[in-house]
N, C-alpha and C. Protein backbone atom coordinates (compact mmCIF):
# COMPACT_ATOMS: atom_id res chain seq x y z
N MET A 1 59.49 -3.93 -73.87
CA MET A 1 58.55 -4.84 -73.18
C MET A 1 58.48 -4.49 -71.68
N PHE A 2 59.55 -4.01 -71.16
CA PHE A 2 59.46 -3.78 -69.65
C PHE A 2 58.83 -2.52 -69.44
N GLN A 3 58.93 -1.61 -70.44
CA GLN A 3 58.20 -0.33 -70.29
C GLN A 3 56.56 -0.44 -70.33
N LEU A 4 56.12 -1.33 -71.07
CA LEU A 4 54.69 -1.70 -71.12
C LEU A 4 54.28 -2.34 -69.71
N GLY A 5 55.25 -3.08 -69.08
CA GLY A 5 54.79 -3.59 -67.72
C GLY A 5 54.76 -2.45 -66.69
N VAL A 6 55.74 -1.63 -66.73
CA VAL A 6 55.57 -0.54 -65.80
C VAL A 6 54.47 0.33 -66.00
N HIS A 7 54.02 0.62 -67.32
CA HIS A 7 52.93 1.46 -67.73
C HIS A 7 51.65 0.74 -67.20
N ALA A 8 51.67 -0.47 -67.23
CA ALA A 8 50.27 -1.19 -66.71
C ALA A 8 50.34 -1.18 -65.33
N ILE A 9 51.30 -1.30 -64.57
CA ILE A 9 51.12 -1.26 -63.17
C ILE A 9 50.91 0.06 -62.70
N ILE A 10 51.42 1.18 -63.24
CA ILE A 10 51.08 2.52 -62.88
C ILE A 10 49.71 2.88 -63.25
N SER A 11 49.16 2.29 -64.33
CA SER A 11 47.81 2.48 -64.76
C SER A 11 46.76 1.95 -63.59
N ILE A 12 47.16 0.65 -63.19
CA ILE A 12 46.34 -0.01 -62.03
C ILE A 12 46.37 0.80 -60.81
N ILE A 13 47.46 1.27 -60.51
CA ILE A 13 47.70 2.02 -59.21
C ILE A 13 46.88 3.30 -59.28
N ILE A 14 46.92 3.95 -60.51
CA ILE A 14 46.17 5.23 -60.61
C ILE A 14 44.87 4.85 -60.62
N TYR A 15 44.22 3.79 -61.14
CA TYR A 15 42.64 3.49 -61.22
C TYR A 15 42.27 3.16 -59.74
N LEU A 16 43.14 2.38 -59.03
CA LEU A 16 42.69 2.11 -57.71
C LEU A 16 42.57 3.28 -56.75
N ILE A 17 43.52 4.23 -57.00
CA ILE A 17 43.56 5.51 -56.06
C ILE A 17 42.35 6.30 -56.48
N ALA A 18 42.03 6.41 -57.77
CA ALA A 18 40.89 7.18 -58.34
C ALA A 18 39.57 6.59 -57.77
N ILE A 19 39.58 5.28 -57.70
CA ILE A 19 38.22 4.56 -57.33
C ILE A 19 38.22 4.84 -55.80
N GLY A 20 39.26 4.83 -55.10
CA GLY A 20 39.22 4.99 -53.74
C GLY A 20 38.77 6.39 -53.40
N LEU A 21 39.37 7.33 -54.11
CA LEU A 21 38.91 8.81 -53.85
C LEU A 21 37.60 9.08 -54.16
N SER A 22 37.19 8.46 -55.35
CA SER A 22 35.72 8.70 -55.69
C SER A 22 34.81 8.04 -54.66
N PHE A 23 35.14 7.02 -54.16
CA PHE A 23 34.29 6.25 -53.20
C PHE A 23 34.10 7.16 -51.88
N GLN A 24 35.14 7.87 -51.56
CA GLN A 24 35.19 8.78 -50.24
C GLN A 24 34.14 10.04 -50.77
N ALA A 25 34.31 10.35 -51.89
CA ALA A 25 33.53 11.57 -52.19
C ALA A 25 32.07 11.07 -52.50
N VAL A 26 31.76 9.98 -53.01
CA VAL A 26 30.36 9.48 -53.20
C VAL A 26 29.73 9.40 -51.80
N LYS A 27 30.46 8.84 -50.78
CA LYS A 27 29.78 8.60 -49.54
C LYS A 27 29.16 9.90 -49.00
N ALA A 28 29.53 11.12 -49.53
CA ALA A 28 28.97 12.38 -48.99
C ALA A 28 27.58 12.59 -49.62
N ILE A 29 27.21 11.74 -50.66
CA ILE A 29 25.87 11.86 -51.32
C ILE A 29 24.78 11.03 -50.48
N GLN A 30 23.69 11.61 -50.11
CA GLN A 30 22.65 11.01 -49.33
C GLN A 30 21.76 10.27 -50.30
N LEU A 31 22.08 9.13 -50.70
CA LEU A 31 21.06 8.34 -51.55
C LEU A 31 19.96 7.69 -50.72
N ASP A 32 20.04 7.66 -49.54
CA ASP A 32 19.04 7.21 -48.57
C ASP A 32 17.62 7.83 -48.83
N LYS A 33 17.84 9.15 -49.11
CA LYS A 33 16.59 9.95 -49.28
C LYS A 33 15.89 9.61 -50.57
N ILE A 34 16.52 9.23 -51.51
CA ILE A 34 16.13 8.91 -52.85
C ILE A 34 15.57 7.33 -52.89
N ILE A 35 16.38 6.43 -52.35
CA ILE A 35 16.10 5.02 -52.35
C ILE A 35 15.09 4.60 -51.42
N ARG A 36 14.07 3.75 -51.72
CA ARG A 36 13.17 3.29 -50.71
C ARG A 36 13.94 2.62 -49.52
N LYS A 37 13.20 2.80 -48.38
CA LYS A 37 13.78 2.30 -47.09
C LYS A 37 13.82 0.73 -47.18
N GLY A 38 14.70 0.21 -46.45
CA GLY A 38 14.84 -1.30 -46.38
C GLY A 38 15.65 -2.04 -47.65
N HIS A 39 16.18 -1.00 -48.33
CA HIS A 39 16.98 -1.53 -49.66
C HIS A 39 18.48 -1.15 -49.32
N VAL A 40 18.96 -1.61 -48.36
CA VAL A 40 20.38 -1.12 -47.90
C VAL A 40 21.46 -1.83 -48.75
N PHE A 41 21.17 -3.02 -49.19
CA PHE A 41 22.23 -3.61 -50.06
C PHE A 41 22.26 -3.12 -51.25
N GLU A 42 21.04 -2.64 -51.91
CA GLU A 42 21.00 -1.99 -53.29
C GLU A 42 21.63 -0.68 -53.22
N THR A 43 21.40 0.06 -52.12
CA THR A 43 22.05 1.33 -51.83
C THR A 43 23.59 1.27 -51.87
N GLN A 44 24.01 0.28 -51.21
CA GLN A 44 25.55 0.14 -51.13
C GLN A 44 26.09 -0.34 -52.43
N LEU A 45 25.40 -1.15 -53.07
CA LEU A 45 25.77 -1.40 -54.46
C LEU A 45 25.80 -0.32 -55.37
N LEU A 46 24.81 0.53 -55.37
CA LEU A 46 24.75 1.69 -56.19
C LEU A 46 25.95 2.59 -55.94
N TYR A 47 26.32 2.93 -54.68
CA TYR A 47 27.41 3.64 -54.15
C TYR A 47 28.70 3.02 -54.77
N LEU A 48 28.81 1.68 -54.70
CA LEU A 48 30.16 1.00 -55.26
C LEU A 48 30.17 1.13 -56.81
N PHE A 49 29.06 0.99 -57.55
CA PHE A 49 29.18 1.22 -58.85
C PHE A 49 29.29 2.69 -59.39
N ILE A 50 28.72 3.61 -58.60
CA ILE A 50 29.07 4.96 -59.05
C ILE A 50 30.50 5.39 -58.80
N ALA A 51 31.07 4.81 -57.54
CA ALA A 51 32.30 5.05 -57.35
C ALA A 51 33.27 4.31 -58.34
N ILE A 52 33.02 3.29 -58.86
CA ILE A 52 33.83 2.61 -59.88
C ILE A 52 33.78 3.37 -61.17
N GLY A 53 32.49 3.69 -61.52
CA GLY A 53 32.44 4.58 -62.76
C GLY A 53 33.15 5.85 -62.70
N LEU A 54 32.90 6.63 -61.71
CA LEU A 54 33.64 7.88 -61.53
C LEU A 54 35.12 7.72 -61.39
N GLY A 55 35.64 6.70 -60.66
CA GLY A 55 36.97 6.53 -60.73
C GLY A 55 37.62 6.04 -61.91
N PHE A 56 36.89 5.34 -62.68
CA PHE A 56 37.41 4.79 -63.86
C PHE A 56 37.61 6.20 -64.88
N LEU A 57 36.56 7.06 -64.77
CA LEU A 57 36.65 8.21 -65.70
C LEU A 57 37.63 9.17 -65.32
N VAL A 58 37.87 9.36 -63.88
CA VAL A 58 39.16 10.20 -63.45
C VAL A 58 40.52 9.57 -63.69
N GLY A 59 40.48 8.25 -63.50
CA GLY A 59 41.84 7.56 -63.81
C GLY A 59 42.16 7.53 -65.24
N ASN A 60 41.13 7.45 -66.09
CA ASN A 60 41.37 7.37 -67.43
C ASN A 60 41.90 8.87 -67.90
N PHE A 61 41.23 9.87 -67.41
CA PHE A 61 41.64 11.15 -67.62
C PHE A 61 43.22 11.39 -67.30
N VAL A 62 43.52 10.94 -66.02
CA VAL A 62 44.77 11.20 -65.61
C VAL A 62 45.90 10.37 -66.46
N ILE A 63 45.47 9.17 -66.67
CA ILE A 63 46.39 8.38 -67.59
C ILE A 63 46.62 8.89 -69.01
N THR A 64 45.55 9.28 -69.49
CA THR A 64 45.50 10.04 -70.89
C THR A 64 46.38 11.25 -70.84
N PHE A 65 46.20 11.99 -69.85
CA PHE A 65 46.83 13.16 -69.61
C PHE A 65 48.45 13.06 -69.51
N ILE A 66 48.78 11.85 -68.76
CA ILE A 66 50.38 11.72 -68.46
C ILE A 66 50.91 11.13 -69.83
N ASP A 67 50.08 10.35 -70.57
CA ASP A 67 50.55 9.80 -71.66
C ASP A 67 50.83 10.87 -72.71
N THR A 68 49.77 11.72 -72.86
CA THR A 68 49.89 12.83 -73.85
C THR A 68 51.01 13.86 -73.57
N SER A 69 51.21 14.19 -72.26
CA SER A 69 52.23 15.00 -71.92
C SER A 69 53.65 14.41 -72.15
N MET A 70 53.70 13.05 -72.02
CA MET A 70 55.00 12.44 -72.29
C MET A 70 55.28 12.43 -73.77
N GLN A 71 54.20 12.53 -74.53
CA GLN A 71 54.35 12.52 -76.00
C GLN A 71 54.85 13.98 -76.49
N LEU A 72 54.72 14.87 -75.80
CA LEU A 72 54.85 16.21 -76.06
C LEU A 72 56.59 16.35 -76.37
N SER A 73 57.38 15.52 -75.66
CA SER A 73 58.72 15.64 -75.81
C SER A 73 59.19 15.29 -77.26
N ASN A 74 58.25 14.40 -78.05
CA ASN A 74 58.49 14.21 -79.35
C ASN A 74 58.44 15.57 -80.28
N LEU A 75 57.67 16.44 -79.77
CA LEU A 75 57.56 17.74 -80.61
C LEU A 75 58.76 18.29 -80.75
N PHE A 76 59.66 18.38 -79.73
CA PHE A 76 60.90 19.27 -79.74
C PHE A 76 61.99 18.68 -80.00
């Protein structure tokens, strides 16, 4: 039971780090040229949603990779 709690905390931390890093990367995209002028809130919201989606995908990959690599010990 304790191990599940530790896994959950580590997963949350990985997701938050991945979302933060993806937000930094998404800021380099210039959506202002694509979005109509005067829609600042919508542009910022789009940045946030893209960062959350990308961060979730990256975090999910990292967590799955860690879980799978830990299960390799059962092979030997």
